[in-house]
Amino acid sequence: MPAAKIAITLDRELLREVDEGVRGGLFRNRSRAIEQAVREKLERQRKRRVLAEARKLNPREERALAEEGMTGEEGSWPGY
């Protein structure tokens, strides 16, 4: 995927920690460190949204919906 250049402002202490990670080999460079941090944050957000939606489900209702109409249909399914 093509990359785009951007300019950001970071707290000096945070930047110092990023630079330590670069020097220590944790990250290839500042850009990779920040890219990884943003990617991980977005992934956590996606997971939280999925979990929040899953909590809204009623397991009994979901099971009933999944099993609804299943009896007797198996014979009409095409063979694979």
Protein backbone atom coordinates (compact mmCIF):
# COMPACT_ATOMS: atom_id res chain seq x y z
CA MET A 1 0.00 0.00 0.00
CA PRO A 2 1.43 3.41 -0.88
CA ALA A 3 2.42 5.60 2.04
CA ALA A 4 1.61 9.28 2.54
CA LYS A 5 3.80 11.78 4.33
CA ILE A 6 2.27 13.74 7.16
CA ALA A 7 3.53 16.09 9.84
CA ILE A 8 2.64 15.47 13.48
CA THR A 9 3.40 17.07 16.80
CA LEU A 10 4.35 14.88 19.77
CA ASP A 11 5.05 15.56 23.40
CA ARG A 12 8.85 15.70 23.87
CA GLU A 13 8.85 12.93 26.46
CA LEU A 14 6.82 10.67 24.18
CA LEU A 15 9.20 11.36 21.31
CA ARG A 16 12.14 10.55 23.59
CA GLU A 17 10.56 7.16 24.33
CA VAL A 18 9.97 6.53 20.62
CA ASP A 19 13.60 7.38 19.90
CA GLU A 20 14.73 4.98 22.63
CA GLY A 21 12.67 2.28 20.96
CA VAL A 22 14.35 3.06 17.63
CA ARG A 23 17.84 2.99 19.18
CA GLY A 24 17.03 -0.22 21.02
CA GLY A 25 15.87 -1.94 17.84
CA LEU A 26 12.22 -2.13 18.84
CA PHE A 27 11.31 -0.02 15.78
CA ARG A 28 13.11 0.55 12.47
CA ASN A 29 12.50 4.28 12.64
CA ARG A 30 10.12 6.90 14.04
CA SER A 31 7.67 6.48 11.20
CA ARG A 32 7.36 2.74 11.77
CA ALA A 33 6.91 3.25 15.50
CA ILE A 34 4.07 5.71 15.02
CA GLU A 35 2.49 3.67 12.24
CA GLN A 36 2.50 0.57 14.44
CA ALA A 37 1.01 2.47 17.37
CA VAL A 38 -1.81 3.88 15.24
CA ARG A 39 -2.51 0.48 13.66
CA GLU A 40 -2.68 -1.22 17.07
CA LYS A 41 -4.98 1.49 18.46
CA LEU A 42 -7.36 1.20 15.50
CA GLU A 43 -7.44 -2.60 15.83
CA ARG A 44 -8.30 -2.32 19.54
CA GLN A 45 -11.10 0.10 18.64
CA ARG A 46 -12.50 -2.35 16.07
CA LYS A 47 -12.42 -5.18 18.60
CA ARG A 48 -14.16 -3.04 21.22
CA ARG A 49 -16.95 -2.20 18.77
CA VAL A 50 -17.45 -5.86 17.91
CA LEU A 51 -17.52 -6.81 21.59
CA ALA A 52 -19.99 -4.03 22.37
CA GLU A 53 -22.30 -5.28 19.62
CA ALA A 54 -21.90 -8.90 20.73
CA ARG A 55 -22.92 -7.96 24.28
CA LYS A 56 -26.23 -6.71 22.90
CA LEU A 57 -27.10 -10.18 21.62
CA ASN A 58 -29.30 -12.57 23.54
CA PRO A 59 -27.76 -16.07 23.27
CA ARG A 60 -31.14 -17.82 23.48
CA GLU A 61 -32.64 -15.67 20.74
CA GLU A 62 -29.58 -16.16 18.53
CA ARG A 63 -29.68 -19.93 18.98
CA ALA A 64 -33.40 -20.01 18.20
CA LEU A 65 -32.83 -17.98 15.03
CA ALA A 66 -29.96 -20.23 13.97
CA GLU A 67 -32.00 -23.37 14.48
CA GLU A 68 -35.20 -21.98 12.99
CA GLY A 69 -36.16 -23.73 9.81
CA MET A 70 -33.30 -26.22 9.91
CA THR A 71 -35.36 -29.35 10.52
CA GLY A 72 -36.25 -31.22 7.39
CA GLU A 73 -34.25 -29.03 5.03
CA GLU A 74 -31.08 -31.09 5.08
CA GLY A 75 -32.41 -33.48 2.42
CA SER A 76 -33.06 -30.70 -0.07
CA TRP A 77 -29.53 -29.33 0.05
CA PRO A 78 -27.35 -30.09 -2.97
CA GLY A 79 -24.63 -32.69 -2.49
CA TYR A 80 -21.01 -31.60 -2.49
